[in-house]
Amino acid sequence: MDLGSATSADGDEALRFLIPEAISWRDVPGEIVLFDARANAYHALNLSAAQVWRALAQGLSPQKTAMLLSARFGRDTKEMAGDVTEFINRALEQGLLLRAGGPP
């Protein structure tokens, strides 16, 4: 997995992600369900992945997302940042997210 995909040269404070138009999503109890119209595929995000998705969808940077979730779940920020980066990289690979203002 390319961890460089979810980071920028200036840190990730300015880095944001967009949800492609072909991706629709819905909150359901305990998870988020995504539908990719291009692939005609559903994706279910568990509770923790759903928290990351919501934060990114609200325009938070990966760094702020990790800080928010580490406080919410009582986890180390650095460890949470690794989890956020892993989630973002998988979502980028699957076309569920796009880098805002830059190449994917």
Foldseek 3Di string as FASTA:
>chain_A
DDLVVQADPVGFQVKAKDFDPQWDWDDDPQWIWIARNVVRDIDIGGNVLRQLVVCRNVTGTLLVSLVVVCVVVVHDSVVSSVVSSVSVVVCVVVRRIAIPPDHD
